Amino acid sequence: MPLWKWLLPLCVLGLLYRALKEANIKPAGWVVLPGAGGGLGHLAVQYAKAMNMRVLAIDTGTDKEELCKSLRAEAFVDFRKVSDLVSTVKDLMNGGPRGVLVLSTSAKSYQQAT
């Protein structure tokens, strides 16, 4: 097996850890994870919880909701079931999160994150 196939998962895990660490989110601070039910997203949920962050997971579908909640995400928003995602997130958090780590491939996710 080529070396890159062994190193790539380690690089990805390091990237997620560094992104959460550099966000300077204090313990018990909220982080929003658009794309939380995907390949990188579910790892980010676990890292954030291990770093004592409160996680609001954003994705779509009951299977992804169940996955995120099984990983101890405190809240889940199905972006297809809400009319205004940004307002929904702000309402759930009494103003907004301390950080957002976009793990979705959608350009709209990046626009909404700011």
C-alpha atoms as a PDB file:
ATOM      1  CA  MET A   1       0.000   0.000   0.000  1.00  0.00           C
ATOM      2  CA  PRO A   2       1.384   3.451  -0.909  1.00  0.00           C
ATOM      3  CA  LEU A   3       2.587   5.598   1.966  1.00  0.00           C
ATOM      4  CA  TRP A   4       0.125   8.414   1.206  1.00  0.00           C
ATOM      5  CA  LYS A   5      -2.804   6.088   1.939  1.00  0.00           C
ATOM      6  CA  TRP A   6      -1.464   5.702   5.474  1.00  0.00           C
ATOM      7  CA  LEU A   7      -0.577   9.351   5.981  1.00  0.00           C
ATOM      8  CA  LEU A   8      -3.686  10.982   4.532  1.00  0.00           C
ATOM      9  CA  PRO A   9      -6.024  10.039   7.409  1.00  0.00           C
ATOM     10  CA  LEU A  10      -3.483  11.346   9.909  1.00  0.00           C
ATOM     11  CA  CYS A  11      -3.188  14.643   8.034  1.00  0.00           C
ATOM     12  CA  VAL A  12      -6.965  15.043   7.952  1.00  0.00           C
ATOM     13  CA  LEU A  13      -7.260  14.393  11.684  1.00  0.00           C
ATOM     14  CA  GLY A  14      -4.508  16.916  12.341  1.00  0.00           C
ATOM     15  CA  LEU A  15      -6.279  19.466  10.161  1.00  0.00           C
ATOM     16  CA  LEU A  16      -9.559  19.077  12.056  1.00  0.00           C
ATOM     17  CA  TYR A  17      -7.848  19.308  15.423  1.00  0.00           C
ATOM     18  CA  ARG A  18      -5.896  22.400  14.393  1.00  0.00           C
ATOM     19  CA  ALA A  19      -8.981  24.134  12.986  1.00  0.00           C
ATOM     20  CA  LEU A  20     -10.900  23.611  16.228  1.00  0.00           C
ATOM     21  CA  LYS A  21      -7.907  24.603  18.362  1.00  0.00           C
ATOM     22  CA  GLU A  22      -7.170  27.768  16.350  1.00  0.00           C
ATOM     23  CA  ALA A  23     -10.804  28.850  16.616  1.00  0.00           C
ATOM     24  CA  ASN A  24     -10.119  29.661  20.294  1.00  0.00           C
ATOM     25  CA  ILE A  25     -13.436  28.264  21.425  1.00  0.00           C
ATOM     26  CA  LYS A  26     -13.430  27.974  25.194  1.00  0.00           C
ATOM     27  CA  PRO A  27     -14.731  24.854  26.936  1.00  0.00           C
ATOM     28  CA  ALA A  28     -18.546  24.916  26.954  1.00  0.00           C
ATOM     29  CA  GLY A  29     -18.488  27.291  23.965  1.00  0.00           C
ATOM     30  CA  TRP A  30     -20.651  26.511  20.949  1.00  0.00           C
ATOM     31  CA  VAL A  31     -19.237  25.405  17.616  1.00  0.00           C
ATOM     32  CA  VAL A  32     -21.407  24.936  14.531  1.00  0.00           C
ATOM     33  CA  LEU A  33     -20.474  22.163  12.121  1.00  0.00           C
ATOM     34  CA  PRO A  34     -22.200  22.353   8.718  1.00  0.00           C
ATOM     35  CA  GLY A  35     -21.722  18.964   7.088  1.00  0.00           C
ATOM     36  CA  ALA A  36     -21.488  17.251  10.483  1.00  0.00           C
ATOM     37  CA  GLY A  37     -22.950  13.977   9.241  1.00  0.00           C
ATOM     38  CA  GLY A  38     -20.323  13.424   6.566  1.00  0.00           C
ATOM     39  CA  GLY A  39     -16.917  11.789   6.506  1.00  0.00           C
ATOM     40  CA  LEU A  40     -14.995  14.688   8.039  1.00  0.00           C
ATOM     41  CA  GLY A  41     -17.978  16.067   9.911  1.00  0.00           C
ATOM     42  CA  HIS A  42     -18.528  13.112  12.175  1.00  0.00           C
ATOM     43  CA  LEU A  43     -14.847  13.210  13.144  1.00  0.00           C
ATOM     44  CA  ALA A  44     -15.102  16.938  13.894  1.00  0.00           C
ATOM     45  CA  VAL A  45     -18.082  16.294  16.188  1.00  0.00           C
ATOM     46  CA  GLN A  46     -15.997  13.811  18.155  1.00  0.00           C
ATOM     47  CA  TYR A  47     -12.984  16.128  18.360  1.00  0.00           C
ATOM     48  CA  ALA A  48     -15.128  19.072  19.464  1.00  0.00           C
ATOM     49  CA  LYS A  49     -16.776  17.005  22.188  1.00  0.00           C
ATOM     50  CA  ALA A  50     -13.366  15.729  23.344  1.00  0.00           C
ATOM     51  CA  MET A  51     -12.302  19.394  23.598  1.00  0.00           C
ATOM     52  CA  ASN A  52     -15.374  20.118  25.775  1.00  0.00           C
ATOM     53  CA  MET A  53     -17.181  22.168  23.131  1.00  0.00           C
ATOM     54  CA  ARG A  54     -20.909  22.262  22.669  1.00  0.00           C
ATOM     55  CA  VAL A  55     -21.793  21.088  19.161  1.00  0.00           C
ATOM     56  CA  LEU A  56     -24.599  22.174  16.896  1.00  0.00           C
ATOM     57  CA  ALA A  57     -24.532  19.818  13.924  1.00  0.00           C
ATOM     58  CA  ILE A  58     -26.021  20.863  10.591  1.00  0.00           C
ATOM     59  CA  ASP A  59     -26.848  18.344   7.883  1.00  0.00           C
ATOM     60  CA  THR A  60     -29.912  16.703   6.385  1.00  0.00           C
ATOM     61  CA  GLY A  61     -31.655  13.376   6.902  1.00  0.00           C
ATOM     62  CA  THR A  62     -32.632  11.285   9.881  1.00  0.00           C
ATOM     63  CA  ASP A  63     -29.651   8.957   9.452  1.00  0.00           C
ATOM     64  CA  LYS A  64     -27.218  11.859   9.795  1.00  0.00           C
ATOM     65  CA  GLU A  65     -29.182  13.301  12.699  1.00  0.00           C
ATOM     66  CA  GLU A  66     -29.003   9.965  14.512  1.00  0.00           C
ATOM     67  CA  LEU A  67     -25.266   9.710  13.819  1.00  0.00           C
ATOM     68  CA  CYS A  68     -24.546  13.217  15.118  1.00  0.00           C
ATOM     69  CA  LYS A  69     -26.643  12.733  18.223  1.00  0.00           C
ATOM     70  CA  SER A  70     -25.016   9.358  18.906  1.00  0.00           C
ATOM     71  CA  LEU A  71     -21.691  11.225  18.880  1.00  0.00           C
ATOM     72  CA  ARG A  72     -23.100  13.606  21.529  1.00  0.00           C
ATOM     73  CA  ALA A  73     -23.896  16.655  19.397  1.00  0.00           C
ATOM     74  CA  GLU A  74     -26.172  18.743  21.620  1.00  0.00           C
ATOM     75  CA  ALA A  75     -28.324  20.031  18.794  1.00  0.00           C
ATOM     76  CA  PHE A  76     -29.036  19.143  15.185  1.00  0.00           C
ATOM     77  CA  VAL A  77     -30.581  21.294  12.472  1.00  0.00           C
ATOM     78  CA  ASP A  78     -31.784  19.759   9.228  1.00  0.00           C
ATOM     79  CA  PHE A  79     -31.061  22.548   6.744  1.00  0.00           C
ATOM     80  CA  ARG A  80     -33.800  21.336   4.381  1.00  0.00           C
ATOM     81  CA  LYS A  81     -36.477  21.643   7.068  1.00  0.00           C
ATOM     82  CA  VAL A  82     -35.859  25.267   8.094  1.00  0.00           C
ATOM     83  CA  SER A  83     -36.601  28.342   6.041  1.00  0.00           C
ATOM     84  CA  ASP A  84     -33.866  30.556   7.544  1.00  0.00           C
ATOM     85  CA  LEU A  85     -30.886  28.547   8.743  1.00  0.00           C
ATOM     86  CA  VAL A  86     -28.915  31.499  10.099  1.00  0.00           C
ATOM     87  CA  SER A  87     -31.806  32.736  12.247  1.00  0.00           C
ATOM     88  CA  THR A  88     -32.484  29.214  13.485  1.00  0.00           C
ATOM     89  CA  VAL A  89     -28.869  28.820  14.604  1.00  0.00           C
ATOM     90  CA  LYS A  90     -28.846  32.225  16.289  1.00  0.00           C
ATOM     91  CA  ASP A  91     -32.082  31.430  18.112  1.00  0.00           C
ATOM     92  CA  LEU A  92     -30.792  28.072  19.357  1.00  0.00           C
ATOM     93  CA  MET A  93     -27.667  29.697  20.742  1.00  0.00           C
ATOM     94  CA  ASN A  94     -29.038  32.968  22.069  1.00  0.00           C
ATOM     95  CA  GLY A  95     -27.118  35.055  19.562  1.00  0.00           C
ATOM     96  CA  GLY A  96     -24.715  32.781  17.764  1.00  0.00           C
ATOM     97  CA  PRO A  97     -21.805  30.389  18.126  1.00  0.00           C
ATOM     98  CA  ARG A  98     -18.202  31.052  19.122  1.00  0.00           C
ATOM     99  CA  GLY A  99     -17.029  29.387  15.916  1.00  0.00           C
ATOM    100  CA  VAL A 100     -18.055  27.635  12.716  1.00  0.00           C
ATOM    101  CA  LEU A 101     -16.082  24.910  10.987  1.00  0.00           C
ATOM    102  CA  VAL A 102     -17.547  24.337   7.526  1.00  0.00           C
ATOM    103  CA  LEU A 103     -17.194  20.720   6.428  1.00  0.00           C
ATOM    104  CA  SER A 104     -19.765  20.892   3.676  1.00  0.00           C
ATOM    105  CA  THR A 105     -18.934  21.210  -0.009  1.00  0.00           C
ATOM    106  CA  SER A 106     -21.765  23.664  -0.592  1.00  0.00           C
ATOM    107  CA  ALA A 107     -20.815  27.253  -1.406  1.00  0.00           C
ATOM    108  CA  LYS A 108     -23.938  28.385   0.457  1.00  0.00           C
ATOM    109  CA  SER A 109     -22.533  26.878   3.678  1.00  0.00           C
ATOM    110  CA  TYR A 110     -19.552  29.213   3.477  1.00  0.00           C
ATOM    111  CA  GLN A 111     -21.770  32.228   2.855  1.00  0.00           C
ATOM    112  CA  GLN A 112     -24.018  31.400   5.777  1.00  0.00           C
ATOM    113  CA  ALA A 113     -21.103  30.705   8.114  1.00  0.00           C
ATOM    114  CA  THR A 114     -20.060  34.337   8.169  1.00  0.00           C
END
